[in-house]
Amino acid sequence: MIRHRALLVLVLLLGGCASVPPADAPPARAQTPGQKADPWETWNRKVFAFNDAIDEAVLKPVAEGYRKVVPSLVRTGIGNVFGNLGDVWSTANQFMQGKVQNGFEMGMRVLTNTFFGLGGMLDPATEMRLTRKTEDFGQTLGRWGMPTGPYVVLPVVGPSTVRDTAGFFVDRTVASPSRLADTTAVSYEITALQIIHTRSDLLATTQLLGEVALDRYSFVRDAYLSRRKDQVYDGAPPVEKFEDEPDDPPPKP
C-alpha cells in the first residue's frame, strides 16, 4: 500500500501548518539521544530499489491504465469513499490523542459525508468548511511520547519508521476498508482498488520526483521524516538545537 503519497505532497507539507499544539501536549521525541535517523541505510536502499522495480513493472502501468479507462468523476467518487472511511479512523485517533474538539469536528465530517454525500461518494463536508484533519495510530503513538526509532523502508509499503511501522499494522488491522468485505476475495479486490487508485493519484508527482531529485532515496527519506515530525506536532515542531551551536550568552548586567 503506497502509504505516504509520494514526494510532491511531502515537499508541500515540509513547511508545516499554522496550528499550534496545546500547551499541555506530551512531548513527542524524534529518537533517543545520539541515535542516527537511518542506521539501516544499506538495507533500506536495497528495499527501496526493490519497491521501485515492482512499481515500474506492475503498479505504474496498471495505474496508468486505470486512469485512462475509469472516468474522472468515478475516480473522484472512489477517492471520496476511501477518504470518508479513513476519516472514521482519524476521528478515533483524534480522541485517543486527547484532541476532543478536533474529534467532534471530524465526527461531524463523517456523518455529513455519509448521510448527505451518498455514503461518502460526495464531499459536502468540505464545502461546509469541515476540514479533514487526518490522524493515524503512528501519530497517536508519537503524541504520547513514543520515539520514532530508526527510519525503515518496508517492502511494497514504502518509507516508515519503527514507530510508524507499529502504527501501520494497527491501522491496517483495525481500520482498513477491506475489513468491510464479506469474503476474502472481495477484501483483496478492495485492497487492490485502493492501491491502484492511490498510485494513479501519484503519477505526476513521482514523475516530478525523478526529474528534481539527484538522490531519490535521500530525498524521500528526508521529506518523509520531516513530514511525520510536522504531523505529530500539529504543524509546530520544536526547533532542534545542534551540538556545535554555542549557548546563548549570559545577559549583561
Protein backbone atom coordinates (compact mmCIF):
# COMPACT_ATOMS: atom_id res chain seq x y z
CA MET A 1 0.00 0.00 0.00
CA ILE A 2 1.62 3.18 -1.16
CA ARG A 3 1.24 4.83 2.16
CA HIS A 4 2.54 8.32 2.19
CA ARG A 5 1.57 9.87 -1.09
CA ALA A 6 4.92 10.38 -2.77
CA LEU A 7 7.01 13.35 -2.76
CA LEU A 8 5.41 16.44 -4.13
CA VAL A 9 2.84 16.06 -1.37
CA LEU A 10 5.65 15.60 1.13
CA VAL A 11 7.53 18.65 -0.10
CA LEU A 12 4.44 20.81 0.05
CA LEU A 13 3.98 19.79 3.67
CA LEU A 14 7.57 20.36 4.75
CA GLY A 15 6.80 23.94 5.69
CA GLY A 16 4.13 22.72 8.08
CA CYS A 17 0.79 24.12 9.04
CA ALA A 18 -0.09 27.14 11.12
CA SER A 19 -1.75 25.30 14.00
CA VAL A 20 -0.02 25.00 17.35
CA PRO A 21 -0.43 22.01 19.68
CA PRO A 22 -1.99 22.56 23.09
CA ALA A 23 0.36 23.67 25.84
CA ASP A 24 -0.32 20.51 27.83
CA ALA A 25 0.58 18.21 24.91
CA PRO A 26 3.01 15.45 25.94
CA PRO A 27 6.43 15.72 24.33
CA ALA A 28 6.90 13.64 21.18
CA ARG A 29 10.53 12.58 20.83
CA ALA A 30 12.15 12.16 17.47
CA GLN A 31 14.55 9.47 18.62
CA THR A 32 16.79 8.64 21.52
CA PRO A 33 19.77 10.97 22.01
CA GLY A 34 22.71 10.12 19.79
CA GLN A 35 20.71 7.80 17.59
CA LYS A 36 21.14 8.16 13.84
CA ALA A 37 17.96 8.60 11.84
CA ASP A 38 18.95 5.99 9.24
CA PRO A 39 21.31 3.36 10.70
CA TRP A 40 19.87 0.72 8.33
CA GLU A 41 20.56 2.73 5.17
CA THR A 42 22.33 -0.08 3.29
CA TRP A 43 19.39 -2.43 3.72
CA ASN A 44 16.84 0.33 3.18
CA ARG A 45 18.35 1.26 -0.17
CA LYS A 46 18.01 -2.34 -1.34
CA VAL A 47 14.35 -2.43 -0.37
CA PHE A 48 13.85 0.99 -1.98
CA ALA A 49 15.26 -0.36 -5.25
CA PHE A 50 13.04 -3.45 -4.95
CA ASN A 51 9.96 -1.28 -4.47
CA ASP A 52 10.95 0.83 -7.48
CA ALA A 53 11.26 -2.30 -9.63
CA ILE A 54 7.78 -3.50 -8.61
CA ASP A 55 6.35 -0.07 -9.23
CA GLU A 56 7.83 0.20 -12.73
CA ALA A 57 6.86 -3.35 -13.69
CA VAL A 58 3.37 -3.56 -12.19
CA LEU A 59 1.89 -0.68 -10.21
CA LYS A 60 2.65 2.23 -12.51
CA PRO A 61 1.38 0.54 -15.74
CA VAL A 62 -1.80 -0.62 -14.01
CA ALA A 63 -2.37 2.84 -12.52
CA GLU A 64 -1.91 4.46 -15.92
CA GLY A 65 -4.45 2.07 -17.42
CA TYR A 66 -6.87 2.74 -14.56
CA ARG A 67 -6.59 6.48 -15.14
CA LYS A 68 -7.27 6.09 -18.87
CA VAL A 69 -10.22 3.71 -18.52
CA VAL A 70 -12.05 4.98 -15.43
CA PRO A 71 -13.77 8.38 -15.87
CA SER A 72 -12.58 11.23 -13.67
CA LEU A 73 -15.97 11.55 -11.94
CA VAL A 74 -15.90 7.88 -10.94
CA ARG A 75 -12.32 8.15 -9.68
CA THR A 76 -13.30 11.15 -7.58
CA GLY A 77 -16.17 9.20 -6.05
CA ILE A 78 -13.89 6.26 -5.24
CA GLY A 79 -11.37 8.58 -3.62
CA ASN A 80 -14.12 10.25 -1.59
CA VAL A 81 -15.37 6.90 -0.28
CA PHE A 82 -11.89 5.81 0.79
CA GLY A 83 -11.34 9.23 2.32
CA ASN A 84 -14.57 9.05 4.30
CA LEU A 85 -13.68 5.62 5.66
CA GLY A 86 -10.26 6.96 6.64
CA ASP A 87 -11.94 9.87 8.40
CA VAL A 88 -13.65 7.42 10.77
CA TRP A 89 -10.27 6.17 11.99
CA SER A 90 -8.91 9.71 12.09
CA THR A 91 -11.81 10.63 14.38
CA ALA A 92 -10.90 7.80 16.74
CA ASN A 93 -7.24 8.85 16.77
CA GLN A 94 -8.17 12.47 17.48
CA PHE A 95 -9.97 11.32 20.62
CA MET A 96 -7.15 8.94 21.59
CA GLN A 97 -4.77 11.89 21.37
CA GLY A 98 -6.98 13.98 23.63
CA LYS A 99 -7.98 16.38 20.85
CA VAL A 100 -11.64 16.43 21.76
CA GLN A 101 -12.71 19.39 19.62
CA ASN A 102 -10.96 18.00 16.54
CA GLY A 103 -12.55 14.64 17.24
CA PHE A 104 -16.06 16.09 17.28
CA GLU A 105 -15.36 18.11 14.11
CA MET A 106 -14.08 15.03 12.31
CA GLY A 107 -17.08 13.06 13.55
CA MET A 108 -19.38 15.69 12.11
CA ARG A 109 -17.45 15.47 8.84
CA VAL A 110 -18.00 11.70 8.68
CA LEU A 111 -21.72 12.00 9.46
CA THR A 112 -22.19 14.79 6.91
CA ASN A 113 -20.50 12.94 4.08
CA THR A 114 -22.12 9.62 4.97
CA PHE A 115 -25.70 10.87 5.13
CA PHE A 116 -25.65 13.83 2.74
CA GLY A 117 -22.84 12.66 0.48
CA LEU A 118 -24.40 9.38 -0.68
CA GLY A 119 -22.36 7.18 1.62
CA GLY A 120 -19.22 9.24 1.11
CA MET A 121 -19.16 9.41 -2.68
CA LEU A 122 -19.65 13.18 -2.44
CA ASP A 123 -17.85 15.57 -0.11
CA PRO A 124 -20.30 18.22 1.10
CA ALA A 125 -18.42 18.46 4.41
CA THR A 126 -15.53 20.27 2.76
CA GLU A 127 -17.93 22.82 1.29
CA MET A 128 -19.29 23.28 4.83
CA ARG A 129 -15.71 24.02 5.99
CA LEU A 130 -15.39 20.81 7.99
CA THR A 131 -11.73 20.40 7.16
CA ARG A 132 -10.17 16.94 7.01
CA LYS A 133 -7.64 16.51 9.84
CA THR A 134 -6.05 13.16 9.16
CA GLU A 135 -4.54 11.22 12.06
CA ASP A 136 -3.21 7.66 12.19
CA PHE A 137 -2.06 5.44 15.01
CA GLY A 138 1.60 6.24 14.37
CA GLN A 139 0.80 9.88 15.10
CA THR A 140 -1.07 8.82 18.23
CA LEU A 141 1.97 6.91 19.48
CA GLY A 142 4.13 9.96 18.77
CA ARG A 143 1.64 12.23 20.54
CA TRP A 144 2.15 10.27 23.76
CA GLY A 145 5.93 10.34 23.55
CA MET A 146 6.96 7.15 21.79
CA PRO A 147 10.26 7.78 19.90
CA THR A 148 10.27 7.30 16.15
CA GLY A 149 13.10 4.79 16.15
CA PRO A 150 15.23 4.31 13.04
CA TYR A 151 13.99 5.02 9.54
CA VAL A 152 12.99 1.88 7.66
CA VAL A 153 11.77 1.16 4.12
CA LEU A 154 9.13 -1.57 4.11
CA PRO A 155 8.69 -3.86 1.10
CA VAL A 156 5.85 -2.56 -1.12
CA VAL A 157 4.61 -0.23 1.66
CA GLY A 158 7.49 2.22 1.39
CA PRO A 159 9.01 4.74 3.83
CA SER A 160 8.36 4.32 7.54
CA THR A 161 9.99 4.28 10.96
CA VAL A 162 9.89 1.69 13.72
CA ARG A 163 7.10 3.63 15.42
CA ASP A 164 5.15 4.19 12.21
CA THR A 165 5.51 0.52 11.28
CA ALA A 166 3.78 -0.45 14.52
CA GLY A 167 1.12 2.15 13.83
CA PHE A 168 0.70 0.97 10.25
CA PHE A 169 -0.14 -2.58 11.29
CA VAL A 170 -2.69 -1.28 13.79
CA ASP A 171 -4.19 0.95 11.08
CA ARG A 172 -4.44 -1.97 8.65
CA THR A 173 -5.82 -4.36 11.28
CA VAL A 174 -8.43 -2.03 12.73
CA ALA A 175 -9.36 0.44 10.01
CA SER A 176 -8.60 -0.99 6.57
CA PRO A 177 -11.54 -0.58 4.15
CA SER A 178 -11.02 -4.23 3.16
CA ARG A 179 -12.33 -5.28 6.59
CA LEU A 180 -15.82 -4.28 5.45
CA ALA A 181 -15.86 -7.08 2.87
CA ASP A 182 -17.94 -10.22 3.41
CA THR A 183 -15.47 -12.56 1.73
CA THR A 184 -11.71 -12.84 1.40
CA ALA A 185 -11.93 -12.37 -2.36
CA VAL A 186 -13.82 -9.09 -2.03
CA SER A 187 -11.35 -7.98 0.64
CA TYR A 188 -8.48 -8.47 -1.80
CA GLU A 189 -10.38 -6.61 -4.50
CA ILE A 190 -10.93 -3.60 -2.23
CA THR A 191 -7.26 -3.57 -1.25
CA ALA A 192 -6.18 -3.77 -4.88
CA LEU A 193 -8.52 -0.93 -5.86
CA GLN A 194 -7.18 1.21 -3.01
CA ILE A 195 -3.58 0.60 -4.09
CA ILE A 196 -4.28 1.30 -7.77
CA HIS A 197 -6.33 4.40 -7.03
CA THR A 198 -3.64 5.81 -4.72
CA ARG A 199 -0.91 5.09 -7.26
CA SER A 200 -2.89 6.77 -10.03
CA ASP A 201 -3.07 9.96 -7.95
CA LEU A 202 0.73 9.95 -7.72
CA LEU A 203 1.65 9.57 -11.38
CA ALA A 204 2.53 13.22 -11.88
CA THR A 205 4.28 13.60 -8.52
CA THR A 206 6.54 10.57 -8.97
CA GLN A 207 7.50 11.79 -12.44
CA LEU A 208 8.46 15.15 -10.94
CA LEU A 209 10.45 13.38 -8.24
CA GLY A 210 12.56 11.63 -10.85
CA GLU A 211 13.26 14.96 -12.53
CA VAL A 212 14.26 17.03 -9.49
CA ALA A 213 15.95 14.62 -7.07
CA LEU A 214 19.62 13.75 -7.54
CA ASP A 215 19.37 11.02 -4.90
CA ARG A 216 15.77 9.84 -4.79
CA TYR A 217 16.31 7.69 -1.71
CA SER A 218 17.68 10.55 0.42
CA PHE A 219 15.04 12.93 -0.87
CA VAL A 220 12.21 10.55 0.05
CA ARG A 221 13.70 9.77 3.46
CA ASP A 222 14.26 13.39 4.49
CA ALA A 223 10.86 14.52 3.25
CA TYR A 224 9.11 11.64 4.99
CA LEU A 225 10.80 12.22 8.35
CA SER A 226 10.16 15.97 8.20
CA ARG A 227 6.52 15.48 7.31
CA ARG A 228 5.87 12.94 10.04
CA LYS A 229 7.50 15.15 12.67
CA ASP A 230 5.36 18.04 11.47
CA GLN A 231 2.21 15.90 11.71
CA VAL A 232 2.91 14.70 15.25
CA TYR A 233 3.42 18.27 16.44
CA ASP A 234 0.39 19.59 14.52
CA GLY A 235 2.50 21.82 12.33
CA ALA A 236 4.64 23.35 15.08
CA PRO A 237 7.63 21.06 15.75
CA PRO A 238 10.24 22.33 18.21
CA VAL A 239 13.37 23.90 16.81
CA GLU A 240 16.27 21.47 17.01
CA LYS A 241 19.49 22.63 18.61
CA PHE A 242 22.66 21.11 17.23
CA GLU A 243 25.57 20.13 19.43
CA ASP A 244 28.00 22.59 17.84
CA GLU A 245 25.73 25.57 18.39
CA PRO A 246 27.07 27.92 21.12
CA ASP A 247 24.94 28.53 24.16
CA ASP A 248 23.18 31.86 24.43
CA PRO A 249 25.47 34.45 26.06
CA PRO A 250 24.55 35.48 29.60
CA PRO A 251 22.65 38.76 29.88
CA LYS A 252 24.75 41.85 30.51
CA PRO A 253 24.40 43.40 33.96
